[in-house]
């Protein structure tokens, strides 16, 4: 079974981006993936900002990154880039921190002017950290997402289709990069 860590980089406690990551995680869990969700905002701020990777909370979190086969990196777009909170977290990773990993970048934003954030801001950092494969990401326009009860989301049909295609592509890439068990 492949393991996936969904990382939400939103500083907001009421984050649509985190709900998108959770919904993607549930979709992957239904297909047999072992998925965990990390909201970076829940990490100890003083340790995160000081880069104290030896603190117990950050050490456990970095271990989760190390042991995951794949990562979902989800962020809202602020000022044409991913959040500073996500940047602080990614800065904790060693230069080779994503070696061997398949990564699905997701971004939410208020305007189509930010649609290239994944390719021009986030993808280069993920690649620089050594990701084996950064799959085609998905930008979700805030106006195409509606909050429903119990922390669920409704997506406009085209947006939902693009998100499902991105998640399916990620799952396929994970399967292609994960060695199959040898029958004995």
C-alpha atoms as a PDB file:
ATOM      1  CA  UNK A   1       0.000   0.000   0.000  1.00  0.00           C
ATOM      2  CA  UNK A   2       1.358   3.408  -0.906  1.00  0.00           C
ATOM      3  CA  UNK A   3       1.469   6.115   1.729  1.00  0.00           C
ATOM      4  CA  UNK A   4       0.520   9.700   0.990  1.00  0.00           C
ATOM      5  CA  UNK A   5       0.936  12.807   3.115  1.00  0.00           C
ATOM      6  CA  UNK A   6      -1.406  15.680   2.270  1.00  0.00           C
ATOM      7  CA  UNK A   7       0.170  18.965   3.365  1.00  0.00           C
ATOM      8  CA  UNK A   8      -2.050  22.037   3.716  1.00  0.00           C
ATOM      9  CA  UNK A   9      -0.140  25.310   3.729  1.00  0.00           C
ATOM     10  CA  UNK A  10      -2.976  27.644   4.693  1.00  0.00           C
ATOM     11  CA  UNK A  11      -2.624  29.748   7.849  1.00  0.00           C
ATOM     12  CA  UNK A  12      -6.419  29.939   8.156  1.00  0.00           C
ATOM     13  CA  UNK A  13      -8.218  27.749  10.685  1.00  0.00           C
ATOM     14  CA  UNK A  14     -11.253  27.863   8.364  1.00  0.00           C
ATOM     15  CA  UNK A  15      -9.346  26.920   5.229  1.00  0.00           C
ATOM     16  CA  UNK A  16     -11.018  25.904   1.980  1.00  0.00           C
ATOM     17  CA  UNK A  17      -7.614  24.705   0.810  1.00  0.00           C
ATOM     18  CA  UNK A  18      -7.347  22.311   3.772  1.00  0.00           C
ATOM     19  CA  UNK A  19     -10.840  21.002   2.993  1.00  0.00           C
ATOM     20  CA  UNK A  20      -9.797  20.402  -0.634  1.00  0.00           C
ATOM     21  CA  UNK A  21      -6.747  18.463   0.605  1.00  0.00           C
ATOM     22  CA  UNK A  22      -8.951  16.422   2.955  1.00  0.00           C
ATOM     23  CA  UNK A  23     -11.403  15.633   0.160  1.00  0.00           C
ATOM     24  CA  UNK A  24      -8.542  14.524  -2.106  1.00  0.00           C
ATOM     25  CA  UNK A  25      -7.165  12.422   0.762  1.00  0.00           C
ATOM     26  CA  UNK A  26     -10.538  10.699   1.200  1.00  0.00           C
ATOM     27  CA  UNK A  27     -10.696   9.969  -2.541  1.00  0.00           C
ATOM     28  CA  UNK A  28      -7.249   8.353  -2.404  1.00  0.00           C
ATOM     29  CA  UNK A  29      -8.029   6.425   0.792  1.00  0.00           C
ATOM     30  CA  UNK A  30     -11.066   4.843  -0.874  1.00  0.00           C
ATOM     31  CA  UNK A  31      -8.756   3.481  -3.588  1.00  0.00           C
ATOM     32  CA  UNK A  32      -6.465   1.824  -1.040  1.00  0.00           C
ATOM     33  CA  UNK A  33      -3.850   4.467  -0.263  1.00  0.00           C
ATOM     34  CA  UNK A  34      -2.754   5.113   3.315  1.00  0.00           C
ATOM     35  CA  UNK A  35      -3.295   8.886   3.581  1.00  0.00           C
ATOM     36  CA  UNK A  36      -2.489  11.299   6.386  1.00  0.00           C
ATOM     37  CA  UNK A  37      -3.204  15.024   6.488  1.00  0.00           C
ATOM     38  CA  UNK A  38      -0.879  17.664   7.913  1.00  0.00           C
ATOM     39  CA  UNK A  39      -2.054  21.244   8.426  1.00  0.00           C
ATOM     40  CA  UNK A  40       1.202  23.189   8.709  1.00  0.00           C
ATOM     41  CA  UNK A  41      -0.614  25.845  10.772  1.00  0.00           C
ATOM     42  CA  UNK A  42      -0.945  23.239  13.565  1.00  0.00           C
ATOM     43  CA  UNK A  43       2.826  22.915  14.005  1.00  0.00           C
ATOM     44  CA  UNK A  44       4.495  24.906  16.807  1.00  0.00           C
ATOM     45  CA  UNK A  45       5.091  28.325  15.237  1.00  0.00           C
ATOM     46  CA  UNK A  46       8.236  29.158  17.211  1.00  0.00           C
ATOM     47  CA  UNK A  47       9.882  25.863  16.219  1.00  0.00           C
ATOM     48  CA  UNK A  48       8.761  26.192  12.596  1.00  0.00           C
ATOM     49  CA  UNK A  49      10.035  29.743  12.187  1.00  0.00           C
ATOM     50  CA  UNK A  50      13.294  29.007  13.993  1.00  0.00           C
ATOM     51  CA  UNK A  51      13.828  25.847  11.926  1.00  0.00           C
ATOM     52  CA  UNK A  52      14.133  23.648  15.008  1.00  0.00           C
ATOM     53  CA  UNK A  53      13.946  20.314  13.236  1.00  0.00           C
ATOM     54  CA  UNK A  54      14.943  18.569  16.447  1.00  0.00           C
ATOM     55  CA  UNK A  55      11.746  19.640  18.231  1.00  0.00           C
ATOM     56  CA  UNK A  56       9.527  16.579  18.794  1.00  0.00           C
ATOM     57  CA  UNK A  57       6.592  17.883  16.703  1.00  0.00           C
ATOM     58  CA  UNK A  58       8.728  18.903  13.745  1.00  0.00           C
ATOM     59  CA  UNK A  59      10.840  15.759  13.957  1.00  0.00           C
ATOM     60  CA  UNK A  60       7.678  13.576  13.775  1.00  0.00           C
ATOM     61  CA  UNK A  61       6.366  15.637  10.880  1.00  0.00           C
ATOM     62  CA  UNK A  62       9.606  15.431   8.916  1.00  0.00           C
ATOM     63  CA  UNK A  63       9.603  11.668   9.494  1.00  0.00           C
ATOM     64  CA  UNK A  64       6.139  11.555   7.916  1.00  0.00           C
ATOM     65  CA  UNK A  65       7.525  13.330   4.837  1.00  0.00           C
ATOM     66  CA  UNK A  66      10.465  10.918   4.705  1.00  0.00           C
ATOM     67  CA  UNK A  67       8.324   7.788   4.896  1.00  0.00           C
ATOM     68  CA  UNK A  68       5.586   8.907   2.490  1.00  0.00           C
ATOM     69  CA  UNK A  69       5.652   7.610  -1.078  1.00  0.00           C
ATOM     70  CA  UNK A  70       3.770  10.652  -2.299  1.00  0.00           C
ATOM     71  CA  UNK A  71       2.846  14.136  -1.191  1.00  0.00           C
ATOM     72  CA  UNK A  72      -0.070  16.389  -1.910  1.00  0.00           C
ATOM     73  CA  UNK A  73       1.037  19.985  -1.430  1.00  0.00           C
ATOM     74  CA  UNK A  74      -1.983  22.273  -1.164  1.00  0.00           C
ATOM     75  CA  UNK A  75      -1.838  26.035  -0.749  1.00  0.00           C
ATOM     76  CA  UNK A  76      -3.965  29.101  -1.184  1.00  0.00           C
ATOM     77  CA  UNK A  77      -2.409  31.735  -3.412  1.00  0.00           C
ATOM     78  CA  UNK A  78      -1.477  34.983  -1.686  1.00  0.00           C
ATOM     79  CA  UNK A  79       0.163  37.777  -3.665  1.00  0.00           C
ATOM     80  CA  UNK A  80       0.815  35.509  -6.672  1.00  0.00           C
ATOM     81  CA  UNK A  81       2.610  32.798  -4.703  1.00  0.00           C
ATOM     82  CA  UNK A  82       2.159  29.956  -2.242  1.00  0.00           C
ATOM     83  CA  UNK A  83       1.941  30.890   1.419  1.00  0.00           C
ATOM     84  CA  UNK A  84       4.844  31.913   3.593  1.00  0.00           C
ATOM     85  CA  UNK A  85       3.741  29.231   6.040  1.00  0.00           C
ATOM     86  CA  UNK A  86       4.251  26.554   3.383  1.00  0.00           C
ATOM     87  CA  UNK A  87       7.600  28.122   2.457  1.00  0.00           C
ATOM     88  CA  UNK A  88       8.731  27.967   6.097  1.00  0.00           C
ATOM     89  CA  UNK A  89       7.817  24.270   6.175  1.00  0.00           C
ATOM     90  CA  UNK A  90       9.511  23.443   2.871  1.00  0.00           C
ATOM     91  CA  UNK A  91      12.633  25.256   4.111  1.00  0.00           C
ATOM     92  CA  UNK A  92      12.887  22.684   6.922  1.00  0.00           C
ATOM     93  CA  UNK A  93      13.400  19.872   4.428  1.00  0.00           C
ATOM     94  CA  UNK A  94      16.944  18.955   3.457  1.00  0.00           C
ATOM     95  CA  UNK A  95      17.987  19.691  -0.132  1.00  0.00           C
ATOM     96  CA  UNK A  96      17.145  16.090  -1.046  1.00  0.00           C
ATOM     97  CA  UNK A  97      14.024  15.981   1.115  1.00  0.00           C
ATOM     98  CA  UNK A  98      11.697  14.906  -1.684  1.00  0.00           C
ATOM     99  CA  UNK A  99      13.962  12.459  -3.500  1.00  0.00           C
ATOM    100  CA  UNK A 100      11.939   9.511  -4.743  1.00  0.00           C
ATOM    101  CA  UNK A 101       8.610  11.212  -4.036  1.00  0.00           C
ATOM    102  CA  UNK A 102       5.685  11.786  -6.369  1.00  0.00           C
ATOM    103  CA  UNK A 103       4.073  15.150  -5.672  1.00  0.00           C
ATOM    104  CA  UNK A 104       0.660  16.585  -6.541  1.00  0.00           C
ATOM    105  CA  UNK A 105       0.568  20.386  -6.237  1.00  0.00           C
ATOM    106  CA  UNK A 106      -2.841  21.983  -5.598  1.00  0.00           C
ATOM    107  CA  UNK A 107      -3.618  25.682  -5.314  1.00  0.00           C
ATOM    108  CA  UNK A 108      -6.741  27.687  -4.596  1.00  0.00           C
ATOM    109  CA  UNK A 109      -7.136  31.329  -5.475  1.00  0.00           C
ATOM    110  CA  UNK A 110      -9.544  34.149  -6.062  1.00  0.00           C
ATOM    111  CA  UNK A 111      -8.613  35.013  -9.627  1.00  0.00           C
ATOM    112  CA  UNK A 112      -7.423  33.309 -12.798  1.00  0.00           C
ATOM    113  CA  UNK A 113      -4.474  35.708 -12.729  1.00  0.00           C
ATOM    114  CA  UNK A 114      -2.910  33.243 -10.258  1.00  0.00           C
ATOM    115  CA  UNK A 115      -3.376  30.107 -12.353  1.00  0.00           C
ATOM    116  CA  UNK A 116       0.352  29.864 -13.155  1.00  0.00           C
ATOM    117  CA  UNK A 117       1.409  29.909  -9.492  1.00  0.00           C
ATOM    118  CA  UNK A 118       1.835  26.140  -9.497  1.00  0.00           C
ATOM    119  CA  UNK A 119       4.180  26.133 -12.481  1.00  0.00           C
ATOM    120  CA  UNK A 120       6.154  29.308 -11.780  1.00  0.00           C
ATOM    121  CA  UNK A 121       6.328  29.397  -7.972  1.00  0.00           C
ATOM    122  CA  UNK A 122       5.645  25.972  -6.452  1.00  0.00           C
ATOM    123  CA  UNK A 123       6.916  23.436  -9.004  1.00  0.00           C
ATOM    124  CA  UNK A 124      10.497  24.832  -9.059  1.00  0.00           C
ATOM    125  CA  UNK A 125      10.796  24.487  -5.265  1.00  0.00           C
ATOM    126  CA  UNK A 126       9.419  20.942  -5.286  1.00  0.00           C
ATOM    127  CA  UNK A 127      11.800  20.010  -8.091  1.00  0.00           C
ATOM    128  CA  UNK A 128      14.750  21.632  -6.308  1.00  0.00           C
ATOM    129  CA  UNK A 129      13.993  19.418  -3.308  1.00  0.00           C
ATOM    130  CA  UNK A 130      14.500  16.406  -5.565  1.00  0.00           C
ATOM    131  CA  UNK A 131      10.938  15.218  -6.177  1.00  0.00           C
ATOM    132  CA  UNK A 132      10.972  12.199  -8.484  1.00  0.00           C
ATOM    133  CA  UNK A 133       7.853  13.345 -10.281  1.00  0.00           C
ATOM    134  CA  UNK A 134       5.812  16.534  -9.837  1.00  0.00           C
ATOM    135  CA  UNK A 135       2.603  15.598 -11.633  1.00  0.00           C
ATOM    136  CA  UNK A 136       0.285  18.043 -13.344  1.00  0.00           C
ATOM    137  CA  UNK A 137      -1.222  20.118 -10.580  1.00  0.00           C
ATOM    138  CA  UNK A 138      -4.627  21.685 -10.283  1.00  0.00           C
ATOM    139  CA  UNK A 139      -5.569  25.327  -9.661  1.00  0.00           C
ATOM    140  CA  UNK A 140      -9.040  25.744  -8.168  1.00  0.00           C
ATOM    141  CA  UNK A 141     -10.821  29.059  -8.441  1.00  0.00           C
ATOM    142  CA  UNK A 142     -12.452  29.982  -5.115  1.00  0.00           C
ATOM    143  CA  UNK A 143     -15.690  30.917  -6.862  1.00  0.00           C
ATOM    144  CA  UNK A 144     -15.957  27.352  -8.272  1.00  0.00           C
ATOM    145  CA  UNK A 145     -15.999  25.847  -4.766  1.00  0.00           C
ATOM    146  CA  UNK A 146     -18.876  25.979  -2.321  1.00  0.00           C
ATOM    147  CA  UNK A 147     -18.719  24.915   1.310  1.00  0.00           C
ATOM    148  CA  UNK A 148     -21.396  22.484   2.402  1.00  0.00           C
ATOM    149  CA  UNK A 149     -22.243  21.128   5.842  1.00  0.00           C
ATOM    150  CA  UNK A 150     -19.926  18.830   7.779  1.00  0.00           C
ATOM    151  CA  UNK A 151     -16.755  20.157   6.159  1.00  0.00           C
ATOM    152  CA  UNK A 152     -17.632  18.965   2.666  1.00  0.00           C
ATOM    153  CA  UNK A 153     -17.230  20.885  -0.553  1.00  0.00           C
ATOM    154  CA  UNK A 154     -19.182  21.153  -3.775  1.00  0.00           C
ATOM    155  CA  UNK A 155     -17.294  21.936  -6.987  1.00  0.00           C
ATOM    156  CA  UNK A 156     -18.509  23.269 -10.299  1.00  0.00           C
ATOM    157  CA  UNK A 157     -18.574  20.343 -12.738  1.00  0.00           C
ATOM    158  CA  UNK A 158     -15.541  21.433 -14.789  1.00  0.00           C
ATOM    159  CA  UNK A 159     -13.500  22.125 -11.663  1.00  0.00           C
ATOM    160  CA  UNK A 160     -14.403  18.764 -10.141  1.00  0.00           C
ATOM    161  CA  UNK A 161     -13.447  17.002 -13.380  1.00  0.00           C
ATOM    162  CA  UNK A 162     -10.031  18.733 -13.482  1.00  0.00           C
ATOM    163  CA  UNK A 163      -9.416  17.913  -9.819  1.00  0.00           C
ATOM    164  CA  UNK A 164     -10.348  14.245 -10.303  1.00  0.00           C
ATOM    165  CA  UNK A 165      -8.087  14.034 -13.368  1.00  0.00           C
ATOM    166  CA  UNK A 166      -5.196  15.493 -11.377  1.00  0.00           C
ATOM    167  CA  UNK A 167      -5.782  13.078  -8.475  1.00  0.00           C
ATOM    168  CA  UNK A 168      -6.105  10.106 -10.840  1.00  0.00           C
ATOM    169  CA  UNK A 169      -2.881  11.135 -12.597  1.00  0.00           C
ATOM    170  CA  UNK A 170      -1.172  11.354  -9.218  1.00  0.00           C
ATOM    171  CA  UNK A 171      -2.442   7.883  -8.239  1.00  0.00           C
ATOM    172  CA  UNK A 172      -1.229   6.462 -11.564  1.00  0.00           C
ATOM    173  CA  UNK A 173       2.205   8.047 -11.088  1.00  0.00           C
ATOM    174  CA  UNK A 174       2.396   6.653  -7.554  1.00  0.00           C
ATOM    175  CA  UNK A 175       1.562   3.179  -8.850  1.00  0.00           C
ATOM    176  CA  UNK A 176       4.169   3.469 -11.606  1.00  0.00           C
ATOM    177  CA  UNK A 177       6.856   4.576  -9.145  1.00  0.00           C
ATOM    178  CA  UNK A 178       6.118   2.083  -6.392  1.00  0.00           C
ATOM    179  CA  UNK A 179       7.765  -1.320  -6.796  1.00  0.00           C
ATOM    180  CA  UNK A 180       5.263  -4.147  -6.921  1.00  0.00           C
ATOM    181  CA  UNK A 181       5.549  -6.896  -4.352  1.00  0.00           C
ATOM    182  CA  UNK A 182       7.263  -9.961  -5.752  1.00  0.00           C
ATOM    183  CA  UNK A 183       5.186 -13.120  -5.467  1.00  0.00           C
ATOM    184  CA  UNK A 184       6.976 -15.940  -3.691  1.00  0.00           C
END
